[in-house]
Amino acid sequence: MPVKIRLQRKGRKKRPFYHIVIADSRAPRDGRFIERIGSYNPMTKPATIEIDREKAYEWLMKGAQPTDTVRAILRFKGVLYKKHLMRGVKKGALTAEEAEAKYTAWIEDKEAKIAARFTKSAEEKAAFHAMVSGTPPARPVEVEKEPEEEAQPEAPAEEQPAEEAVAEAATEEAVAETTTEEATPEATEEAKKDEAGE
C-alpha cells in the first residue's frame, strides 16, 4: 500500500484551508486518511503552517512519499533538514548531539525570521488601514533649533559697493519718475493756456 503525505482541502469557496495528512494514495483527496499531522493556511500573509515535525520525520523514514507542495512545506519547516542530518549521523560524519545542536539552531533561526515577517506584515496592514480610514498621518515633530551664537559671515567688501550702487540707481529712478509725474500736470496746464491764447 503506497502511503502519501499530502494536502486535504477544507474551507469554503475561494478561501482554501488545508490539512496535512498521511493517506493511502488510492483514497480520494478529501476522503479517508491514516493520520493528520498539521495544517496549512495560504490565505494569511505569510502563509500559516503548523506541523508536527517528529511525526512527519517518522513517516518519511517509514517510506511515505510527500507531494510536491508538501515537500516544499517540509523543507520550509526543517523536516527534510533533519532527515539530511540523521543520514550524516548514520554514515558517521556527525554525532547525534552535533546533529541535534545544528537542527535546533536552524529551527530557532527560522522561527525568528518567520516572526519578523509576521510583525512586518502586521505593520504594513496597520499602515494600510490608517491610510484608508481617512485620518491624516501623524506629522513628525520639528524641534526648534536655538540660534547659533556665532555671527554669520559678512559679505565680501567687493559686493557691498555693488549693492549700494543698485540701491542708489533704484532711488534715482524713483526720483526721476516723481519729477516727470510732477512736471506733467504743469506742462498740461501751460499747453492749455497756449491753446486758449491762440
N, C-alpha and C. Protein backbone atom coordinates (compact mmCIF):
# COMPACT_ATOMS: atom_id res chain seq x y z
N MET A 1 0.85 -1.19 0.00
CA MET A 1 0.00 0.00 0.00
C MET A 1 0.88 1.24 0.00
N PRO A 2 0.97 1.99 -1.12
CA PRO A 2 1.79 3.21 -1.12
C PRO A 2 1.12 4.31 -0.28
N VAL A 3 1.91 4.89 0.59
CA VAL A 3 1.41 5.94 1.50
C VAL A 3 1.94 7.28 1.05
N LYS A 4 1.07 8.28 1.06
CA LYS A 4 1.44 9.64 0.64
C LYS A 4 1.26 10.61 1.82
N ILE A 5 2.11 11.64 1.84
CA ILE A 5 1.88 12.80 2.72
C ILE A 5 1.36 13.87 1.79
N ARG A 6 0.13 14.28 2.00
CA ARG A 6 -0.49 15.21 1.05
C ARG A 6 -1.45 16.17 1.75
N LEU A 7 -1.99 17.07 0.94
CA LEU A 7 -2.92 18.08 1.46
C LEU A 7 -4.36 17.61 1.26
N GLN A 8 -5.18 17.92 2.25
CA GLN A 8 -6.61 17.63 2.17
C GLN A 8 -7.32 18.98 2.25
N ARG A 9 -8.07 19.32 1.20
CA ARG A 9 -8.66 20.66 1.12
C ARG A 9 -9.86 20.80 2.02
N LYS A 10 -9.88 21.93 2.73
CA LYS A 10 -11.01 22.31 3.58
C LYS A 10 -11.33 23.77 3.26
N GLY A 11 -12.26 24.34 3.98
CA GLY A 11 -12.58 25.75 3.77
C GLY A 11 -13.63 25.93 2.70
N ARG A 12 -14.15 27.16 2.62
CA ARG A 12 -15.21 27.43 1.67
C ARG A 12 -14.65 27.82 0.31
N LYS A 13 -15.54 28.16 -0.58
CA LYS A 13 -15.14 28.52 -1.94
C LYS A 13 -14.25 29.77 -1.93
N LYS A 14 -13.16 29.70 -2.65
CA LYS A 14 -12.17 30.77 -2.79
C LYS A 14 -11.48 31.14 -1.48
N ARG A 15 -11.67 30.35 -0.44
CA ARG A 15 -10.98 30.55 0.83
C ARG A 15 -10.41 29.21 1.30
N PRO A 16 -9.41 28.67 0.62
CA PRO A 16 -8.94 27.33 0.94
C PRO A 16 -8.17 27.27 2.26
N PHE A 17 -8.27 26.11 2.86
CA PHE A 17 -7.53 25.78 4.08
C PHE A 17 -7.21 24.30 3.97
N TYR A 18 -6.02 23.90 4.29
CA TYR A 18 -5.61 22.53 4.05
C TYR A 18 -5.16 21.84 5.34
N HIS A 19 -5.47 20.54 5.44
CA HIS A 19 -4.90 19.67 6.46
C HIS A 19 -3.78 18.88 5.81
N ILE A 20 -2.69 18.72 6.52
CA ILE A 20 -1.60 17.87 6.03
C ILE A 20 -1.83 16.49 6.62
N VAL A 21 -2.05 15.50 5.75
CA VAL A 21 -2.44 14.18 6.22
C VAL A 21 -1.54 13.10 5.62
N ILE A 22 -1.53 11.97 6.33
CA ILE A 22 -0.92 10.75 5.82
C ILE A 22 -2.08 9.91 5.29
N ALA A 23 -2.06 9.56 4.01
CA ALA A 23 -3.19 8.85 3.42
C ALA A 23 -2.71 7.84 2.40
N ASP A 24 -3.57 6.86 2.16
CA ASP A 24 -3.34 5.89 1.09
C ASP A 24 -3.47 6.65 -0.23
N SER A 25 -2.56 6.38 -1.16
CA SER A 25 -2.58 7.12 -2.43
C SER A 25 -3.83 6.81 -3.24
N ARG A 26 -4.51 5.69 -2.94
CA ARG A 26 -5.72 5.32 -3.69
C ARG A 26 -6.98 5.96 -3.11
N ALA A 27 -6.87 6.56 -1.92
CA ALA A 27 -8.04 7.18 -1.29
C ALA A 27 -8.33 8.51 -1.97
N PRO A 28 -9.61 8.95 -1.93
CA PRO A 28 -9.94 10.26 -2.52
C PRO A 28 -9.19 11.39 -1.80
N ARG A 29 -9.05 12.52 -2.50
CA ARG A 29 -8.29 13.64 -1.94
C ARG A 29 -8.82 14.07 -0.57
N ASP A 30 -10.13 14.27 -0.48
CA ASP A 30 -10.72 14.74 0.78
C ASP A 30 -11.35 13.59 1.56
N GLY A 31 -10.97 12.37 1.25
CA GLY A 31 -11.59 11.20 1.88
C GLY A 31 -10.81 10.70 3.07
N ARG A 32 -10.78 9.35 3.16
CA ARG A 32 -10.20 8.70 4.32
C ARG A 32 -8.69 8.94 4.38
N PHE A 33 -8.18 9.07 5.60
CA PHE A 33 -6.74 9.25 5.80
C PHE A 33 -6.30 8.46 7.03
N ILE A 34 -5.01 8.25 7.15
CA ILE A 34 -4.46 7.48 8.26
C ILE A 34 -4.23 8.37 9.48
N GLU A 35 -3.58 9.50 9.26
CA GLU A 35 -3.25 10.39 10.38
C GLU A 35 -3.14 11.82 9.87
N ARG A 36 -3.56 12.76 10.72
CA ARG A 36 -3.43 14.18 10.41
C ARG A 36 -2.24 14.71 11.19
N ILE A 37 -1.27 15.34 10.48
CA ILE A 37 -0.06 15.79 11.17
C ILE A 37 0.11 17.32 11.16
N GLY A 38 -0.78 18.05 10.52
CA GLY A 38 -0.63 19.50 10.53
C GLY A 38 -1.67 20.20 9.68
N SER A 39 -1.47 21.52 9.53
CA SER A 39 -2.40 22.34 8.73
C SER A 39 -1.60 23.40 7.98
N TYR A 40 -2.22 23.90 6.92
CA TYR A 40 -1.59 24.90 6.05
C TYR A 40 -2.66 25.88 5.60
N ASN A 41 -2.44 27.16 5.91
CA ASN A 41 -3.38 28.20 5.51
C ASN A 41 -2.68 29.19 4.59
N PRO A 42 -2.93 29.10 3.28
CA PRO A 42 -2.24 30.00 2.34
C PRO A 42 -2.86 31.39 2.26
N MET A 43 -3.98 31.63 2.94
CA MET A 43 -4.66 32.91 2.81
C MET A 43 -4.06 34.00 3.70
N THR A 44 -3.28 33.64 4.69
CA THR A 44 -2.64 34.64 5.53
C THR A 44 -1.35 35.10 4.86
N LYS A 45 -0.81 36.21 5.34
CA LYS A 45 0.44 36.72 4.78
C LYS A 45 1.43 36.92 5.91
N PRO A 46 2.50 36.16 6.00
CA PRO A 46 2.86 34.98 5.22
C PRO A 46 1.97 33.80 5.57
N ALA A 47 2.02 32.75 4.78
CA ALA A 47 1.17 31.58 4.98
C ALA A 47 1.44 30.96 6.35
N THR A 48 0.36 30.49 7.00
CA THR A 48 0.47 29.87 8.32
C THR A 48 0.62 28.37 8.15
N ILE A 49 1.70 27.82 8.70
CA ILE A 49 1.95 26.38 8.61
C ILE A 49 2.17 25.84 10.01
N GLU A 50 1.37 24.87 10.39
CA GLU A 50 1.55 24.18 11.66
C GLU A 50 1.73 22.71 11.33
N ILE A 51 2.81 22.11 11.83
CA ILE A 51 3.08 20.71 11.52
C ILE A 51 3.83 20.06 12.68
N ASP A 52 3.52 18.80 12.93
CA ASP A 52 4.24 18.02 13.93
C ASP A 52 5.48 17.46 13.24
N ARG A 53 6.63 18.06 13.53
CA ARG A 53 7.86 17.69 12.82
C ARG A 53 8.27 16.25 13.09
N GLU A 54 8.08 15.81 14.33
CA GLU A 54 8.51 14.45 14.70
C GLU A 54 7.71 13.39 13.94
N LYS A 55 6.39 13.58 13.88
CA LYS A 55 5.56 12.61 13.16
C LYS A 55 5.86 12.62 11.67
N ALA A 56 6.08 13.83 11.12
CA ALA A 56 6.40 13.92 9.70
C ALA A 56 7.72 13.20 9.42
N TYR A 57 8.71 13.37 10.31
CA TYR A 57 10.00 12.70 10.13
C TYR A 57 9.84 11.18 10.21
N GLU A 58 9.04 10.72 11.18
CA GLU A 58 8.82 9.26 11.33
C GLU A 58 8.19 8.68 10.07
N TRP A 59 7.18 9.36 9.53
CA TRP A 59 6.53 8.84 8.33
C TRP A 59 7.46 8.88 7.13
N LEU A 60 8.32 9.90 7.04
CA LEU A 60 9.30 9.94 5.95
C LEU A 60 10.25 8.74 6.04
N MET A 61 10.68 8.43 7.27
CA MET A 61 11.60 7.31 7.45
C MET A 61 10.92 5.96 7.19
N LYS A 62 9.59 5.91 7.33
CA LYS A 62 8.86 4.69 7.03
C LYS A 62 8.63 4.52 5.53
N GLY A 63 8.88 5.58 4.76
CA GLY A 63 8.76 5.46 3.32
C GLY A 63 7.60 6.21 2.70
N ALA A 64 6.90 7.04 3.48
CA ALA A 64 5.79 7.83 2.92
C ALA A 64 6.36 8.87 1.95
N GLN A 65 5.68 9.04 0.82
CA GLN A 65 6.14 9.96 -0.21
C GLN A 65 5.34 11.26 -0.17
N PRO A 66 6.01 12.40 0.04
CA PRO A 66 5.28 13.67 0.04
C PRO A 66 4.98 14.14 -1.38
N THR A 67 3.87 14.85 -1.54
CA THR A 67 3.59 15.50 -2.82
C THR A 67 4.51 16.71 -2.95
N ASP A 68 4.50 17.35 -4.11
CA ASP A 68 5.42 18.48 -4.35
C ASP A 68 5.19 19.61 -3.36
N THR A 69 3.93 19.96 -3.13
CA THR A 69 3.63 21.07 -2.21
C THR A 69 4.03 20.71 -0.79
N VAL A 70 3.73 19.48 -0.38
CA VAL A 70 4.09 19.06 0.98
C VAL A 70 5.60 18.97 1.13
N ARG A 71 6.29 18.58 0.07
CA ARG A 71 7.77 18.54 0.13
C ARG A 71 8.31 19.96 0.38
N ALA A 72 7.74 20.95 -0.29
CA ALA A 72 8.17 22.34 -0.06
C ALA A 72 7.87 22.76 1.39
N ILE A 73 6.73 22.34 1.92
CA ILE A 73 6.38 22.67 3.31
C ILE A 73 7.36 22.00 4.27
N LEU A 74 7.67 20.73 4.04
CA LEU A 74 8.61 20.01 4.90
C LEU A 74 10.00 20.62 4.84
N ARG A 75 10.40 21.09 3.67
CA ARG A 75 11.70 21.76 3.54
C ARG A 75 11.67 23.07 4.33
N PHE A 76 10.58 23.81 4.22
CA PHE A 76 10.45 25.10 4.91
C PHE A 76 10.46 24.92 6.43
N LYS A 77 9.85 23.86 6.91
CA LYS A 77 9.76 23.63 8.36
C LYS A 77 10.95 22.85 8.92
N GLY A 78 11.86 22.40 8.08
CA GLY A 78 13.09 21.78 8.56
C GLY A 78 13.05 20.28 8.71
N VAL A 79 11.99 19.61 8.29
CA VAL A 79 11.90 18.16 8.42
C VAL A 79 12.90 17.48 7.48
N LEU A 80 13.03 17.98 6.27
CA LEU A 80 13.99 17.40 5.34
C LEU A 80 15.43 17.67 5.79
N TYR A 81 15.65 18.79 6.47
CA TYR A 81 16.99 19.08 7.01
C TYR A 81 17.35 18.07 8.10
N LYS A 82 16.35 17.74 8.93
CA LYS A 82 16.60 16.74 9.97
C LYS A 82 16.92 15.38 9.35
N LYS A 83 16.20 15.04 8.29
CA LYS A 83 16.47 13.77 7.60
C LYS A 83 17.89 13.77 7.05
N HIS A 84 18.32 14.89 6.51
CA HIS A 84 19.68 15.02 5.98
C HIS A 84 20.71 14.85 7.10
N LEU A 85 20.48 15.48 8.25
CA LEU A 85 21.42 15.36 9.36
C LEU A 85 21.48 13.93 9.90
N MET A 86 20.33 13.28 10.00
CA MET A 86 20.30 11.91 10.52
C MET A 86 21.00 10.94 9.56
N ARG A 87 20.95 11.23 8.27
CA ARG A 87 21.69 10.42 7.31
C ARG A 87 23.20 10.59 7.55
N GLY A 88 23.61 11.80 7.89
CA GLY A 88 25.02 12.04 8.22
C GLY A 88 25.43 11.31 9.49
N VAL A 89 24.52 11.23 10.46
CA VAL A 89 24.81 10.50 11.70
C VAL A 89 24.99 9.02 11.40
N LYS A 90 24.14 8.45 10.53
CA LYS A 90 24.25 7.03 10.17
C LYS A 90 25.58 6.74 9.48
N LYS A 91 26.05 7.68 8.68
CA LYS A 91 27.31 7.48 7.96
C LYS A 91 28.53 7.74 8.85
N GLY A 92 28.32 8.36 10.00
CA GLY A 92 29.42 8.63 10.91
C GLY A 92 30.07 9.99 10.70
N ALA A 93 29.50 10.83 9.88
CA ALA A 93 30.06 12.16 9.64
C ALA A 93 29.80 13.10 10.82
N LEU A 94 28.72 12.85 11.57
CA LEU A 94 28.34 13.68 12.72
C LEU A 94 27.98 12.76 13.88
N THR A 95 28.05 13.34 15.08
CA THR A 95 27.48 12.63 16.23
C THR A 95 26.03 13.07 16.37
N ALA A 96 25.26 12.32 17.13
CA ALA A 96 23.84 12.64 17.31
C ALA A 96 23.68 13.99 18.01
N GLU A 97 24.58 14.29 18.96
CA GLU A 97 24.50 15.57 19.69
C GLU A 97 24.77 16.76 18.76
N GLU A 98 25.78 16.61 17.90
CA GLU A 98 26.08 17.68 16.96
C GLU A 98 24.91 17.90 16.00
N ALA A 99 24.34 16.81 15.53
CA ALA A 99 23.21 16.93 14.60
C ALA A 99 22.03 17.60 15.29
N GLU A 100 21.77 17.23 16.54
CA GLU A 100 20.65 17.84 17.28
C GLU A 100 20.90 19.33 17.52
N ALA A 101 22.16 19.68 17.85
CA ALA A 101 22.50 21.09 18.08
C ALA A 101 22.32 21.90 16.79
N LYS A 102 22.77 21.36 15.66
CA LYS A 102 22.60 22.06 14.38
C LYS A 102 21.13 22.23 14.05
N TYR A 103 20.36 21.18 14.30
CA TYR A 103 18.94 21.22 13.97
C TYR A 103 18.20 22.26 14.83
N THR A 104 18.46 22.28 16.13
CA THR A 104 17.77 23.26 17.00
C THR A 104 18.19 24.69 16.65
N ALA A 105 19.48 24.89 16.31
CA ALA A 105 19.93 26.24 15.92
C ALA A 105 19.22 26.67 14.64
N TRP A 106 19.09 25.75 13.68
CA TRP A 106 18.42 26.07 12.42
C TRP A 106 16.96 26.42 12.66
N ILE A 107 16.29 25.64 13.53
CA ILE A 107 14.87 25.88 13.82
C ILE A 107 14.69 27.23 14.49
N GLU A 108 15.54 27.57 15.46
CA GLU A 108 15.42 28.86 16.15
C GLU A 108 15.61 30.02 15.18
N ASP A 109 16.60 29.91 14.31
CA ASP A 109 16.85 30.96 13.32
C ASP A 109 15.66 31.12 12.39
N LYS A 110 15.12 29.99 11.93
CA LYS A 110 13.98 30.03 11.01
C LYS A 110 12.74 30.64 11.68
N GLU A 111 12.50 30.24 12.94
CA GLU A 111 11.33 30.78 13.66
C GLU A 111 11.47 32.29 13.88
N ALA A 112 12.69 32.76 14.12
CA ALA A 112 12.91 34.20 14.30
C ALA A 112 12.60 34.95 13.00
N LYS A 113 13.03 34.38 11.87
CA LYS A 113 12.75 35.02 10.57
C LYS A 113 11.25 35.06 10.30
N ILE A 114 10.55 33.97 10.62
CA ILE A 114 9.10 33.92 10.39
C ILE A 114 8.39 34.95 11.27
N ALA A 115 8.81 35.05 12.53
CA ALA A 115 8.21 36.03 13.44
C ALA A 115 8.43 37.45 12.93
N ALA A 116 9.63 37.73 12.40
CA ALA A 116 9.92 39.06 11.85
C ALA A 116 9.01 39.35 10.65
N ARG A 117 8.77 38.34 9.82
CA ARG A 117 7.88 38.53 8.67
C ARG A 117 6.46 38.81 9.12
N PHE A 118 6.01 38.12 10.18
CA PHE A 118 4.66 38.36 10.69
C PHE A 118 4.52 39.78 11.24
N THR A 119 5.52 40.26 11.99
CA THR A 119 5.44 41.61 12.53
C THR A 119 5.47 42.66 11.41
N LYS A 120 6.31 42.43 10.39
CA LYS A 120 6.37 43.35 9.27
C LYS A 120 5.03 43.40 8.55
N SER A 121 4.42 42.23 8.36
CA SER A 121 3.13 42.17 7.69
C SER A 121 2.06 42.90 8.51
N ALA A 122 2.11 42.74 9.83
CA ALA A 122 1.14 43.42 10.70
C ALA A 122 1.31 44.93 10.62
N GLU A 123 2.56 45.40 10.58
CA GLU A 123 2.82 46.85 10.47
C GLU A 123 2.30 47.39 9.14
N GLU A 124 2.54 46.65 8.05
CA GLU A 124 2.04 47.09 6.74
C GLU A 124 0.52 47.14 6.73
N LYS A 125 -0.11 46.17 7.37
CA LYS A 125 -1.57 46.14 7.42
C LYS A 125 -2.11 47.32 8.22
N ALA A 126 -1.46 47.62 9.36
CA ALA A 126 -1.89 48.75 10.18
C ALA A 126 -1.71 50.07 9.43
N ALA A 127 -0.60 50.20 8.69
CA ALA A 127 -0.37 51.42 7.92
C ALA A 127 -1.41 51.57 6.81
N PHE A 128 -1.77 50.46 6.18
CA PHE A 128 -2.78 50.50 5.13
C PHE A 128 -4.14 50.91 5.70
N HIS A 129 -4.51 50.33 6.86
CA HIS A 129 -5.79 50.68 7.47
C HIS A 129 -5.82 52.16 7.89
N ALA A 130 -4.69 52.65 8.39
CA ALA A 130 -4.64 54.06 8.77
C ALA A 130 -4.79 54.96 7.54
N MET A 131 -4.19 54.55 6.42
CA MET A 131 -4.29 55.34 5.20
C MET A 131 -5.73 55.34 4.67
N VAL A 132 -6.39 54.19 4.72
CA VAL A 132 -7.73 54.06 4.18
C VAL A 132 -8.78 54.70 5.09
N SER A 133 -8.51 54.76 6.39
CA SER A 133 -9.51 55.25 7.34
C SER A 133 -9.79 56.75 7.18
N GLY A 134 -8.89 57.48 6.54
CA GLY A 134 -9.12 58.90 6.30
C GLY A 134 -8.46 59.79 7.32
N THR A 135 -7.87 59.24 8.35
CA THR A 135 -7.16 60.07 9.31
C THR A 135 -5.80 60.43 8.74
N PRO A 136 -5.42 61.69 8.84
CA PRO A 136 -4.13 62.07 8.27
C PRO A 136 -3.00 61.44 9.07
N PRO A 137 -1.91 61.14 8.41
CA PRO A 137 -0.77 60.56 9.13
C PRO A 137 -0.17 61.57 10.08
N ALA A 138 0.38 61.09 11.17
CA ALA A 138 0.99 61.99 12.16
C ALA A 138 2.22 62.64 11.55
N ARG A 139 2.28 63.95 11.71
CA ARG A 139 3.43 64.68 11.19
C ARG A 139 4.58 64.58 12.17
N PRO A 140 5.78 64.50 11.67
CA PRO A 140 6.92 64.45 12.59
C PRO A 140 7.07 65.78 13.32
N VAL A 141 7.37 65.71 14.60
CA VAL A 141 7.51 66.91 15.41
C VAL A 141 8.87 67.52 15.12
N GLU A 142 8.84 68.82 14.75
CA GLU A 142 10.08 69.51 14.46
C GLU A 142 10.56 70.24 15.70
N VAL A 143 11.77 70.02 16.08
CA VAL A 143 12.34 70.68 17.24
C VAL A 143 12.97 71.99 16.78
N GLU A 144 12.59 73.08 17.45
CA GLU A 144 13.14 74.38 17.07
C GLU A 144 14.59 74.47 17.53
N LYS A 145 15.44 74.87 16.61
CA LYS A 145 16.85 75.00 16.93
C LYS A 145 17.10 76.37 17.51
N GLU A 146 17.95 76.41 18.53
CA GLU A 146 18.31 77.69 19.12
C GLU A 146 19.25 78.42 18.17
N PRO A 147 19.15 79.76 18.11
CA PRO A 147 20.05 80.49 17.21
C PRO A 147 21.50 80.30 17.64
N GLU A 148 22.33 80.13 16.68
CA GLU A 148 23.73 79.92 16.97
C GLU A 148 24.39 81.23 17.39
N GLU A 149 25.30 81.12 18.34
CA GLU A 149 25.97 82.32 18.86
C GLU A 149 26.94 82.91 17.85
N GLU A 150 27.45 82.07 16.99
CA GLU A 150 28.41 82.57 16.01
C GLU A 150 27.71 83.50 15.02
N ALA A 151 28.34 84.62 14.73
CA ALA A 151 27.78 85.56 13.77
C ALA A 151 27.95 84.99 12.37
N GLN A 152 26.96 85.29 11.54
CA GLN A 152 27.06 84.81 10.17
C GLN A 152 28.16 85.58 9.46
N PRO A 153 28.87 84.93 8.58
CA PRO A 153 29.96 85.63 7.89
C PRO A 153 29.41 86.77 7.05
N GLU A 154 30.15 87.89 7.11
CA GLU A 154 29.71 89.07 6.36
C GLU A 154 30.06 88.90 4.89
N ALA A 155 29.32 89.60 4.06
CA ALA A 155 29.58 89.53 2.63
C ALA A 155 30.93 90.19 2.33
N PRO A 156 31.61 89.76 1.32
CA PRO A 156 32.90 90.39 0.97
C PRO A 156 32.74 91.87 0.66
N ALA A 157 33.84 92.61 0.86
CA ALA A 157 33.80 94.07 0.68
C ALA A 157 33.47 94.46 -0.74
N GLU A 158 33.82 93.63 -1.71
CA GLU A 158 33.56 93.97 -3.10
C GLU A 158 32.07 94.00 -3.41
N GLU A 159 31.31 93.14 -2.73
CA GLU A 159 29.88 93.05 -3.04
C GLU A 159 29.09 94.21 -2.47
N GLN A 160 29.54 94.80 -1.36
CA GLN A 160 28.80 95.87 -0.72
C GLN A 160 28.66 97.09 -1.63
N PRO A 161 29.71 97.60 -2.29
CA PRO A 161 29.53 98.76 -3.18
C PRO A 161 28.58 98.45 -4.33
N ALA A 162 28.60 97.23 -4.81
CA ALA A 162 27.70 96.88 -5.91
C ALA A 162 26.25 96.96 -5.43
N GLU A 163 26.00 96.47 -4.20
CA GLU A 163 24.64 96.55 -3.67
C GLU A 163 24.23 98.01 -3.45
N GLU A 164 25.16 98.81 -2.96
CA GLU A 164 24.85 100.23 -2.75
C GLU A 164 24.56 100.91 -4.08
N ALA A 165 25.31 100.56 -5.12
CA ALA A 165 25.11 101.16 -6.44
C ALA A 165 23.73 100.79 -6.97
N VAL A 166 23.30 99.55 -6.75
CA VAL A 166 21.98 99.13 -7.20
C VAL A 166 20.90 99.90 -6.44
N ALA A 167 21.10 100.07 -5.13
CA ALA A 167 20.12 100.81 -4.32
C ALA A 167 20.05 102.27 -4.77
N GLU A 168 21.21 102.88 -5.04
CA GLU A 168 21.23 104.28 -5.49
C GLU A 168 20.53 104.43 -6.84
N ALA A 169 20.77 103.47 -7.74
CA ALA A 169 20.14 103.53 -9.05
C ALA A 169 18.63 103.42 -8.92
N ALA A 170 18.17 102.61 -8.00
CA ALA A 170 16.73 102.46 -7.79
C ALA A 170 16.13 103.75 -7.24
N THR A 171 16.82 104.39 -6.31
CA THR A 171 16.30 105.65 -5.76
C THR A 171 16.29 106.75 -6.82
N GLU A 172 17.33 106.80 -7.68
CA GLU A 172 17.37 107.80 -8.75
C GLU A 172 16.20 107.60 -9.71
N GLU A 173 15.89 106.35 -10.03
CA GLU A 173 14.76 106.07 -10.92
C GLU A 173 13.45 106.54 -10.29
N ALA A 174 13.33 106.27 -8.99
CA ALA A 174 12.10 106.69 -8.30
C ALA A 174 11.97 108.21 -8.31
N VAL A 175 13.08 108.93 -8.09
CA VAL A 175 13.07 110.40 -8.10
C VAL A 175 12.72 110.90 -9.50
N ALA A 176 13.29 110.30 -10.53
CA ALA A 176 13.02 110.72 -11.91
C ALA A 176 11.55 110.51 -12.24
N GLU A 177 10.95 109.44 -11.78
CA GLU A 177 9.54 109.19 -12.06
C GLU A 177 8.67 110.24 -11.38
N THR A 178 8.99 110.58 -10.15
CA THR A 178 8.18 111.58 -9.44
C THR A 178 8.30 112.95 -10.10
N THR A 179 9.49 113.28 -10.57
CA THR A 179 9.64 114.59 -11.22
C THR A 179 8.88 114.63 -12.54
N THR A 180 8.87 113.54 -13.26
CA THR A 180 8.12 113.53 -14.51
C THR A 180 6.64 113.59 -14.23
N GLU A 181 6.20 112.94 -13.15
CA GLU A 181 4.79 113.00 -12.82
C GLU A 181 4.39 114.41 -12.41
N GLU A 182 5.32 115.08 -11.65
CA GLU A 182 5.02 116.44 -11.21
C GLU A 182 5.07 117.40 -12.41
N ALA A 183 6.00 117.21 -13.31
CA ALA A 183 6.14 118.11 -14.46
C ALA A 183 5.00 117.91 -15.45
N THR A 184 4.46 116.81 -15.52
CA THR A 184 3.42 116.53 -16.49
C THR A 184 2.17 117.37 -16.24
N PRO A 185 1.64 117.52 -15.04
CA PRO A 185 0.47 118.38 -14.86
C PRO A 185 0.75 119.84 -15.22
N GLU A 186 1.95 120.36 -14.87
CA GLU A 186 2.28 121.74 -15.19
C GLU A 186 2.35 121.93 -16.70
N ALA A 187 2.94 120.96 -17.35
CA ALA A 187 3.08 121.06 -18.80
C ALA A 187 1.71 121.03 -19.45
N THR A 188 0.83 120.26 -18.91
CA THR A 188 -0.51 120.21 -19.49
C THR A 188 -1.24 121.53 -19.27
N GLU A 189 -1.03 122.19 -18.13
CA GLU A 189 -1.68 123.48 -17.89
C GLU A 189 -1.15 124.54 -18.85
N GLU A 190 0.16 124.57 -19.04
CA GLU A 190 0.76 125.53 -19.97
C GLU A 190 0.27 125.29 -21.39
N ALA A 191 0.13 124.03 -21.74
CA ALA A 191 -0.35 123.70 -23.08
C ALA A 191 -1.78 124.19 -23.24
N LYS A 192 -2.59 124.10 -22.19
CA LYS A 192 -3.98 124.56 -22.26
C LYS A 192 -4.04 126.09 -22.45
N LYS A 193 -3.15 126.81 -21.71
CA LYS A 193 -3.13 128.27 -21.81
C LYS A 193 -2.72 128.69 -23.23
N ASP A 194 -1.73 128.00 -23.76
CA ASP A 194 -1.28 128.31 -25.12
C ASP A 194 -2.41 128.11 -26.12
N GLU A 195 -3.13 127.04 -25.94
CA GLU A 195 -4.23 126.75 -26.86
C GLU A 195 -5.33 127.82 -26.72
N ALA A 196 -5.61 128.21 -25.45
CA ALA A 196 -6.64 129.22 -25.22
C ALA A 196 -6.20 130.57 -25.80
N GLY A 197 -4.90 130.88 -25.69
CA GLY A 197 -4.37 132.15 -26.21
C GLY A 197 -4.44 132.18 -27.72
N GLU A 198 -4.33 131.10 -28.35
CA GLU A 198 -4.38 131.07 -29.81
C GLU A 198 -5.83 131.25 -30.19
